[in-house]
Amino acid sequence: MSVALYKHPGKIGFIFLIAVLINCSALIPIQIPSNKDISYETDWLTLGRNNQHTHYSTVNIGPPLEIIWKTRMKSVVTDHPLAIGDNILATTASGQLYQVQYETGKVQGSGTIGPAIDHVPTIHDGILYTGFSLGENTIIGLDLTNTKKELSRKYPHTNTTPIYWDKKLYFGTNQATFLCINAQSGDKIWEFKTKAPIQSSPAIIEQHVIFGDDQGWLYALDATSGLKLWDKELQGSIFSHPVIDDSLVFIGTLDGYLYALEYYNGKRKWRQKFSGAFYGSPSVYNDVIYIGNNNHNVTALRETSGEILWTFATDGIVNTVPLPSPDYLYVSSWDEHLYVLNRSSGKLLFKMDLDKPLKSSPIIYRDVLLVQTANGHLYALANGKYAERRRENK
């Protein structure tokens, strides 16, 4: 570790910043399944599991749940873990990457890959692409099969997930620009100027790339050319990422509005007002939207009309993405609890105290539910009967 001295522009004095040297030496090469063996219905390779960020599971893990393993992690896991093959990959806000074995929870390798990561990376063809909100080189591509950097480029700091599409990466920056670059060389293909910095990770569907900015503008650009297809001023800053399902894009704002717009022209379908800000994003399953807010609530809405179907109150902020499955909804809250609700009615079925606030979204991978507590542990939870079979087979 080295210490760098910087003069802060416009202020008297100096500020010490810790410059973390990028060190991947503690990481190990891991086996990545071939493309034909990857399931885009079960594997988690990007934010919300796909480029539309729908964040749902086709697998039920019914309560009661038991902890089958837990792994210490010293910082908040960004958004949620990623999962592919026998590997759980978790990046933290402090810039670390943990490689965790699915069956045992054992950390196979870990290392600092950058100074600060704000959102979950994207994996494509064995390359982990991530952006940094601090440091010199702000976009990297790390080959997970040999732990070597295949890409490392300097662009403005990014607070978004880089999305992979058609051999390109798409991401927003804190200098009010949205970029498309070649995923192999890192060369810039096009750049779009926005009205404010961008903290909203893009979603892509049918060559529409959609994202928001800090002034509350939602944009749709042509993914190939970067030309603006439409933009829409919404009420409140946009920190959450858009979610796309069928013909609609869903987005929440800090003023407590949840919007549904037609993704191809930006026309508003409906809008609902809530009492709490939306820092987290919605999930979508079977024509229903699920979203949490800073007013401690989780709400289910009909996708086509915005009609509220039910609301459930937790005791803490919910700025994570609720995870729907065929029968259940899994919710992580700052009140230190994981909740399992009946997806149709919102009735509480089970809750577990995990001792620290939950600031990362839950995901289901194979037979376990993965969730992390802030500066605590990554937990693998399973149905009690499954956990008992595991113990018997050991």
Protein backbone atom coordinates (compact mmCIF):
# COMPACT_ATOMS: atom_id res chain seq x y z
CA MET A 1 0.00 0.00 0.00
CA SER A 2 1.23 3.51 -0.79
CA VAL A 3 0.15 6.93 0.35
CA ALA A 4 -0.24 9.72 -2.18
CA LEU A 5 -0.47 13.43 -1.39
CA TYR A 6 -2.89 15.53 -3.41
CA LYS A 7 -3.72 19.21 -3.32
CA HIS A 8 -7.47 19.70 -3.23
CA PRO A 9 -8.44 22.29 -5.90
CA GLY A 10 -10.20 25.34 -4.53
CA LYS A 11 -9.48 24.61 -0.87
CA ILE A 12 -6.65 25.49 1.48
CA GLY A 13 -4.44 22.69 2.65
CA PHE A 14 -3.86 19.15 1.59
CA ILE A 15 -5.88 15.98 1.81
CA PHE A 16 -4.29 12.60 2.19
CA LEU A 17 -5.77 9.93 0.02
CA ILE A 18 -4.90 6.27 0.26
CA ALA A 19 -4.00 4.94 -3.17
CA VAL A 20 -4.49 1.22 -3.14
CA LEU A 21 -2.11 -0.64 -5.40
CA ILE A 22 -4.00 -3.01 -7.66
CA ASN A 23 -2.94 -6.50 -6.68
CA CYS A 24 -4.52 -9.63 -8.12
CA SER A 25 -1.81 -11.97 -6.88
CA ALA A 26 -4.08 -13.55 -4.24
CA LEU A 27 -6.68 -14.50 -6.84
CA ILE A 28 -6.59 -17.95 -8.40
CA PRO A 29 -7.53 -19.11 -11.91
CA ILE A 30 -11.01 -20.62 -11.89
CA GLN A 31 -12.83 -22.88 -14.30
CA ILE A 32 -15.57 -21.14 -16.28
CA PRO A 33 -18.21 -23.25 -18.07
CA SER A 34 -18.35 -23.04 -21.86
CA ASN A 35 -21.07 -20.83 -23.34
CA LYS A 36 -23.21 -23.87 -24.19
CA ASP A 37 -23.17 -24.91 -20.51
CA ILE A 38 -24.14 -21.49 -19.16
CA SER A 39 -27.81 -21.06 -18.25
CA TYR A 40 -29.06 -17.52 -18.50
CA GLU A 41 -32.09 -18.56 -16.44
CA THR A 42 -29.99 -19.61 -13.43
CA ASP A 43 -26.44 -18.22 -13.67
CA TRP A 44 -25.85 -14.66 -12.45
CA LEU A 45 -23.43 -12.93 -14.83
CA THR A 46 -24.48 -9.29 -14.54
CA LEU A 47 -26.65 -6.82 -12.63
CA GLY A 48 -30.10 -8.33 -12.10
CA ARG A 49 -29.01 -11.54 -13.93
CA ASN A 50 -29.61 -10.17 -17.45
CA ASN A 51 -29.26 -6.97 -19.47
CA GLN A 52 -32.88 -6.06 -18.67
CA HIS A 53 -32.14 -6.41 -14.90
CA THR A 54 -35.36 -8.33 -14.14
CA HIS A 55 -33.78 -10.01 -11.08
CA TYR A 56 -35.98 -13.06 -10.54
CA SER A 57 -35.53 -16.79 -9.93
CA THR A 58 -37.42 -19.71 -11.43
CA VAL A 59 -36.44 -21.81 -8.38
CA ASN A 60 -38.26 -21.88 -5.05
CA ILE A 61 -36.38 -22.22 -1.79
CA GLY A 62 -39.16 -22.62 0.73
CA PRO A 63 -38.91 -21.75 4.40
CA PRO A 64 -37.87 -22.55 7.03
CA LEU A 65 -34.33 -21.65 5.97
CA GLU A 66 -31.07 -22.69 7.58
CA ILE A 67 -27.52 -21.38 7.23
CA ILE A 68 -25.41 -24.03 5.49
CA TRP A 69 -22.27 -21.90 5.32
CA LYS A 70 -21.10 -18.36 5.87
CA THR A 71 -17.98 -16.57 4.70
CA ARG A 72 -16.42 -13.45 6.23
CA MET A 73 -16.31 -10.38 3.99
CA LYS A 74 -14.96 -7.10 5.28
CA SER A 75 -16.93 -4.69 3.09
CA VAL A 76 -20.37 -4.37 1.52
CA VAL A 77 -20.91 -6.61 -1.51
CA THR A 78 -21.89 -4.40 -4.44
CA ASP A 79 -25.53 -5.05 -5.48
CA HIS A 80 -25.36 -8.85 -5.18
CA PRO A 81 -22.91 -11.72 -5.79
CA LEU A 82 -22.37 -13.24 -9.21
CA ALA A 83 -22.56 -17.01 -9.72
CA ILE A 84 -21.26 -19.25 -12.51
CA GLY A 85 -20.27 -22.90 -12.50
CA ASP A 86 -19.03 -23.88 -9.04
CA ASN A 87 -18.00 -20.30 -8.27
CA ILE A 88 -19.58 -17.47 -6.32
CA LEU A 89 -17.87 -14.17 -7.16
CA ALA A 90 -18.42 -11.18 -4.91
CA THR A 91 -17.00 -7.69 -5.38
CA THR A 92 -17.02 -5.22 -2.51
CA ALA A 93 -17.22 -1.46 -2.22
CA SER A 94 -13.58 -1.46 -1.06
CA GLY A 95 -12.48 -2.90 -4.42
CA GLN A 96 -11.95 -6.54 -3.48
CA LEU A 97 -12.96 -9.64 -5.41
CA TYR A 98 -13.74 -12.82 -3.46
CA GLN A 99 -13.77 -16.22 -5.18
CA VAL A 100 -15.96 -18.55 -3.13
CA GLN A 101 -16.58 -22.27 -3.67
CA TYR A 102 -20.30 -22.91 -4.10
CA GLU A 103 -20.59 -26.13 -2.08
CA THR A 104 -18.48 -25.22 0.95
CA GLY A 105 -18.33 -21.43 1.08
CA LYS A 106 -14.55 -21.64 1.28
CA VAL A 107 -12.71 -18.60 -0.09
CA GLN A 108 -10.53 -19.97 -2.88
CA GLY A 109 -8.90 -16.62 -3.59
CA SER A 110 -9.32 -12.92 -2.95
CA GLY A 111 -7.57 -9.78 -4.02
CA THR A 112 -7.89 -6.04 -4.49
CA ILE A 113 -8.69 -5.34 -8.12
CA GLY A 114 -9.25 -1.59 -7.74
CA PRO A 115 -9.73 1.26 -5.25
CA ALA A 116 -13.56 1.43 -5.15
CA ILE A 117 -16.39 -0.44 -6.86
CA ASP A 118 -19.93 0.97 -6.72
CA HIS A 119 -21.82 -1.69 -8.69
CA VAL A 120 -21.59 -5.36 -9.53
CA PRO A 121 -19.39 -6.32 -12.53
CA THR A 122 -20.40 -8.16 -15.69
CA ILE A 123 -18.94 -11.49 -16.82
CA HIS A 124 -18.71 -12.47 -20.49
CA ASP A 125 -16.64 -15.29 -21.98
CA GLY A 126 -14.67 -15.67 -18.75
CA ILE A 127 -13.79 -11.95 -18.55
CA LEU A 128 -14.96 -9.95 -15.54
CA TYR A 129 -15.58 -6.32 -16.55
CA THR A 130 -15.86 -3.71 -13.83
CA GLY A 131 -15.56 0.04 -13.38
CA PHE A 132 -14.03 2.11 -10.57
CA SER A 133 -15.21 5.35 -8.96
CA LEU A 134 -11.64 6.19 -7.87
CA GLY A 135 -8.16 5.70 -9.26
CA GLU A 136 -6.37 6.01 -12.60
CA ASN A 137 -7.60 3.24 -14.88
CA THR A 138 -11.36 3.14 -14.42
CA ILE A 139 -12.43 0.21 -16.64
CA ILE A 140 -10.79 -3.20 -16.51
CA GLY A 141 -11.40 -6.64 -17.94
CA LEU A 142 -10.00 -9.44 -15.76
CA ASP A 143 -9.64 -12.92 -17.27
CA LEU A 144 -10.93 -15.20 -14.52
CA THR A 145 -9.23 -18.26 -16.02
CA ASN A 146 -5.71 -16.86 -15.53
CA THR A 147 -6.26 -13.73 -13.32
CA LYS A 148 -4.63 -11.50 -15.95
CA LYS A 149 -5.98 -8.14 -17.04
CA GLU A 150 -7.04 -8.23 -20.66
CA LEU A 151 -8.32 -4.66 -20.56
CA SER A 152 -7.31 -1.62 -18.52
CA ARG A 153 -8.24 1.86 -19.71
CA LYS A 154 -8.51 5.38 -18.36
CA TYR A 155 -11.93 7.01 -18.67
CA PRO A 156 -13.86 9.29 -16.29
CA HIS A 157 -14.76 7.58 -13.02
CA THR A 158 -17.78 5.34 -13.31
CA ASN A 159 -20.49 4.60 -10.74
CA THR A 160 -22.38 2.09 -12.90
CA THR A 161 -22.22 -1.54 -13.97
CA PRO A 162 -20.57 -1.88 -17.40
CA ILE A 163 -23.05 -3.79 -19.58
CA TYR A 164 -21.76 -6.09 -22.34
CA TRP A 165 -23.59 -6.22 -25.68
CA ASP A 166 -22.36 -7.07 -29.16
CA LYS A 167 -18.64 -6.95 -28.24
CA LYS A 168 -19.07 -3.55 -26.60
CA LEU A 169 -19.23 -2.17 -23.06
CA TYR A 170 -21.70 0.54 -22.01
CA PHE A 171 -21.36 2.64 -18.84
CA GLY A 172 -22.06 6.07 -17.37
CA THR A 173 -19.56 8.41 -15.73
CA ASN A 174 -19.50 11.06 -13.01
CA GLN A 175 -18.58 13.66 -15.65
CA ALA A 176 -22.05 13.56 -17.24
CA THR A 177 -21.05 11.38 -20.16
CA PHE A 178 -22.25 7.97 -21.28
CA LEU A 179 -19.72 5.82 -23.13
CA CYS A 180 -19.64 2.88 -25.49
CA ILE A 181 -16.23 1.23 -25.89
CA ASN A 182 -14.79 -1.81 -27.63
CA ALA A 183 -14.79 -4.62 -25.04
CA GLN A 184 -11.51 -6.06 -26.30
CA SER A 185 -9.34 -3.01 -27.01
CA GLY A 186 -11.07 -0.49 -24.73
CA ASP A 187 -11.15 2.07 -27.56
CA LYS A 188 -14.02 4.55 -27.45
CA ILE A 189 -16.72 3.96 -30.08
CA TRP A 190 -19.05 6.78 -29.14
CA GLU A 191 -19.85 9.20 -26.31
CA PHE A 192 -23.11 10.88 -25.31
CA LYS A 193 -23.32 14.02 -23.15
CA THR A 194 -25.99 14.01 -20.42
CA LYS A 195 -27.37 16.80 -18.28
CA ALA A 196 -25.85 15.48 -15.02
CA PRO A 197 -23.57 12.76 -13.64
CA ILE A 198 -24.79 9.18 -14.03
CA GLN A 199 -25.27 6.67 -11.20
CA SER A 200 -27.99 4.67 -12.95
CA SER A 201 -26.64 1.49 -14.60
CA PRO A 202 -27.87 0.98 -18.17
CA ALA A 203 -30.30 -1.67 -19.37
CA ILE A 204 -30.37 -2.88 -22.98
CA ILE A 205 -33.14 -4.32 -25.11
CA GLU A 206 -33.41 -4.54 -28.91
CA GLN A 207 -30.60 -2.03 -29.48
CA HIS A 208 -32.12 0.46 -27.00
CA VAL A 209 -29.72 1.34 -24.17
CA ILE A 210 -31.63 3.05 -21.33
CA PHE A 211 -30.33 4.82 -18.19
CA GLY A 212 -30.98 7.85 -15.97
CA ASP A 213 -28.97 10.77 -14.61
CA ASP A 214 -28.79 12.70 -11.34
CA GLN A 215 -31.13 15.45 -12.59
CA GLY A 216 -33.94 12.99 -13.26
CA TRP A 217 -33.60 12.58 -17.01
CA LEU A 218 -34.16 9.13 -18.49
CA TYR A 219 -32.46 8.48 -21.84
CA ALA A 220 -32.78 5.89 -24.58
CA LEU A 221 -29.89 5.75 -27.06
CA ASP A 222 -29.23 3.65 -30.13
CA ALA A 223 -26.70 1.08 -28.92
CA THR A 224 -24.80 1.04 -32.22
CA SER A 225 -24.58 4.73 -33.07
CA GLY A 226 -25.14 6.48 -29.72
CA LEU A 227 -27.85 8.65 -31.26
CA LYS A 228 -30.62 9.73 -28.90
CA LEU A 229 -33.89 7.90 -29.52
CA TRP A 230 -35.78 9.77 -26.81
CA ASP A 231 -35.36 11.38 -23.40
CA LYS A 232 -37.83 12.10 -20.62
CA GLU A 233 -37.60 14.38 -17.59
CA LEU A 234 -38.89 12.59 -14.50
CA GLN A 235 -39.61 14.03 -11.06
CA GLY A 236 -36.61 13.38 -8.82
CA SER A 237 -32.98 12.30 -9.24
CA ILE A 238 -32.41 8.81 -10.62
CA PHE A 239 -29.94 6.64 -8.68
CA SER A 240 -31.61 3.29 -9.36
CA HIS A 241 -31.23 1.29 -12.56
CA PRO A 242 -34.03 0.78 -15.10
CA VAL A 243 -35.74 -2.61 -15.42
CA ILE A 244 -37.27 -3.71 -18.72
CA ASP A 245 -40.03 -6.27 -19.20
CA ASP A 246 -42.18 -6.81 -22.28
CA SER A 247 -42.63 -3.33 -23.78
CA LEU A 248 -42.14 -1.33 -20.57
CA VAL A 249 -39.23 0.18 -18.67
CA PHE A 250 -39.63 0.72 -14.91
CA ILE A 251 -37.62 3.25 -12.89
CA GLY A 252 -37.87 4.86 -9.44
CA THR A 253 -36.70 8.33 -8.35
CA LEU A 254 -35.54 9.96 -5.12
CA ASP A 255 -38.79 11.94 -5.00
CA GLY A 256 -40.65 8.67 -4.43
CA TYR A 257 -42.12 8.18 -7.90
CA LEU A 258 -42.19 4.85 -9.69
CA TYR A 259 -42.63 5.14 -13.45
CA ALA A 260 -43.57 2.75 -16.24
CA LEU A 261 -42.73 4.00 -19.74
CA GLU A 262 -42.82 2.37 -23.15
CA TYR A 263 -39.18 1.60 -23.85
CA TYR A 264 -39.36 2.24 -27.60
CA ASN A 265 -40.72 5.82 -27.43
CA GLY A 266 -40.59 6.98 -23.77
CA LYS A 267 -44.35 7.48 -23.50
CA ARG A 268 -45.53 7.24 -19.91
CA LYS A 269 -47.83 4.30 -19.21
CA TRP A 270 -48.37 5.04 -15.50
CA ARG A 271 -46.82 6.69 -12.45
CA GLN A 272 -47.23 5.96 -8.72
CA LYS A 273 -46.21 8.22 -5.83
CA PHE A 274 -44.73 6.77 -2.62
CA SER A 275 -43.66 8.39 0.65
CA GLY A 276 -40.08 7.05 0.54
CA ALA A 277 -37.21 7.58 -1.89
CA PHE A 278 -36.19 4.86 -4.32
CA TYR A 279 -32.47 4.16 -4.15
CA GLY A 280 -33.01 0.52 -5.03
CA SER A 281 -34.56 -0.86 -8.17
CA PRO A 282 -37.58 -3.05 -8.92
CA SER A 283 -37.72 -6.69 -9.92
CA VAL A 284 -40.28 -8.23 -12.27
CA TYR A 285 -41.93 -11.63 -12.30
CA ASN A 286 -45.14 -12.84 -13.99
CA ASP A 287 -46.42 -9.33 -14.76
CA VAL A 288 -45.88 -8.01 -11.22
CA ILE A 289 -43.38 -5.36 -10.06
CA TYR A 290 -41.71 -5.63 -6.62
CA ILE A 291 -39.84 -2.70 -5.10
CA GLY A 292 -38.58 -1.48 -1.72
CA ASN A 293 -37.96 2.09 -0.53
CA ASN A 294 -36.48 4.25 2.21
CA ASN A 295 -39.81 4.25 4.03
CA HIS A 296 -39.12 0.62 5.02
CA ASN A 297 -41.81 -0.79 2.73
CA VAL A 298 -41.92 -3.40 0.00
CA THR A 299 -44.72 -3.07 -2.54
CA ALA A 300 -46.13 -5.28 -5.29
CA LEU A 301 -47.75 -3.54 -8.27
CA ARG A 302 -49.47 -4.75 -11.38
CA GLU A 303 -47.05 -4.26 -14.26
CA THR A 304 -49.55 -3.00 -16.83
CA SER A 305 -51.49 -0.51 -14.68
CA GLY A 306 -49.41 0.34 -11.59
CA GLU A 307 -52.23 -0.89 -9.33
CA ILE A 308 -50.89 -1.63 -5.85
CA LEU A 309 -51.55 -5.28 -4.98
CA TRP A 310 -50.05 -5.32 -1.48
CA THR A 311 -47.54 -3.57 0.78
CA PHE A 312 -45.37 -5.11 3.50
CA ALA A 313 -43.60 -3.04 6.18
CA THR A 314 -40.14 -3.95 7.47
CA ASP A 315 -38.34 -2.13 10.29
CA GLY A 316 -35.57 -0.72 8.13
CA ILE A 317 -34.60 0.82 4.80
CA VAL A 318 -35.02 -1.44 1.78
CA ASN A 319 -32.69 -0.13 -0.93
CA THR A 320 -31.98 -3.61 -2.26
CA VAL A 321 -33.84 -5.45 -5.02
CA PRO A 322 -36.50 -7.91 -3.78
CA LEU A 323 -36.09 -11.38 -5.31
CA PRO A 324 -39.27 -13.05 -6.59
CA SER A 325 -39.55 -16.79 -7.25
CA PRO A 326 -42.64 -18.77 -8.31
CA ASP A 327 -44.07 -18.81 -4.75
CA TYR A 328 -41.95 -16.50 -2.62
CA LEU A 329 -40.47 -13.02 -2.37
CA TYR A 330 -37.14 -12.64 -0.55
CA VAL A 331 -36.39 -9.21 0.93
CA SER A 332 -33.21 -7.94 2.62
CA SER A 333 -33.51 -4.93 4.93
CA TRP A 334 -31.30 -2.61 6.93
CA ASP A 335 -33.16 -3.85 10.03
CA GLU A 336 -30.79 -6.89 9.99
CA HIS A 337 -33.48 -9.31 8.81
CA LEU A 338 -34.08 -11.41 5.74
CA TYR A 339 -37.81 -11.74 5.03
CA VAL A 340 -39.59 -14.47 3.06
CA LEU A 341 -43.06 -13.40 1.92
CA ASN A 342 -45.83 -15.11 0.02
CA ARG A 343 -45.32 -13.62 -3.43
CA SER A 344 -49.03 -13.36 -4.22
CA SER A 345 -50.35 -11.97 -0.93
CA GLY A 346 -47.33 -10.31 0.72
CA LYS A 347 -47.96 -12.34 3.89
CA LEU A 348 -44.89 -12.92 6.07
CA LEU A 349 -43.89 -16.59 6.07
CA PHE A 350 -40.43 -16.48 7.64
CA LYS A 351 -37.76 -14.07 8.80
CA MET A 352 -34.18 -14.54 9.93
CA ASP A 353 -32.05 -12.24 12.08
CA LEU A 354 -28.55 -12.01 10.58
CA ASP A 355 -27.11 -9.56 13.19
CA LYS A 356 -26.09 -6.79 10.76
CA PRO A 357 -27.85 -4.62 8.17
CA LEU A 358 -28.47 -6.26 4.79
CA LYS A 359 -27.41 -3.82 2.06
CA SER A 360 -26.97 -6.37 -0.75
CA SER A 361 -29.78 -7.98 -2.72
CA PRO A 362 -30.53 -11.70 -2.34
CA ILE A 363 -30.10 -14.13 -5.24
CA ILE A 364 -30.89 -17.82 -5.68
CA TYR A 365 -28.25 -20.06 -7.24
CA ARG A 366 -28.86 -23.77 -7.61
CA ASP A 367 -30.11 -24.93 -4.18
CA VAL A 368 -29.17 -21.93 -2.03
CA LEU A 369 -30.19 -18.36 -1.35
CA LEU A 370 -27.18 -16.05 -1.16
CA VAL A 371 -27.28 -12.82 0.84
CA GLN A 372 -24.64 -10.65 2.50
CA THR A 373 -24.66 -8.55 5.65
CA ALA A 374 -22.83 -5.22 5.58
CA ASN A 375 -19.19 -5.64 6.63
CA GLY A 376 -20.12 -9.08 7.85
CA HIS A 377 -20.68 -12.40 6.10
CA LEU A 378 -21.89 -13.86 2.85
CA TYR A 379 -24.52 -16.44 3.80
CA ALA A 380 -25.76 -19.47 1.91
CA LEU A 381 -29.24 -20.38 3.14
CA ALA A 382 -31.19 -23.49 2.20
CA ASN A 383 -34.48 -25.18 2.93
CA GLY A 384 -34.33 -27.14 6.18
CA LYS A 385 -34.89 -30.51 4.49
CA TYR A 386 -32.10 -29.84 2.00
CA ALA A 387 -29.78 -28.76 4.82
CA GLU A 388 -30.56 -31.98 6.69
CA ARG A 389 -29.73 -34.10 3.62
CA ARG A 390 -26.40 -32.29 3.31
CA ARG A 391 -25.55 -33.11 6.91
CA GLU A 392 -26.48 -36.77 6.41
CA ASN A 393 -24.32 -37.04 3.30
CA LYS A 394 -21.22 -35.66 4.98
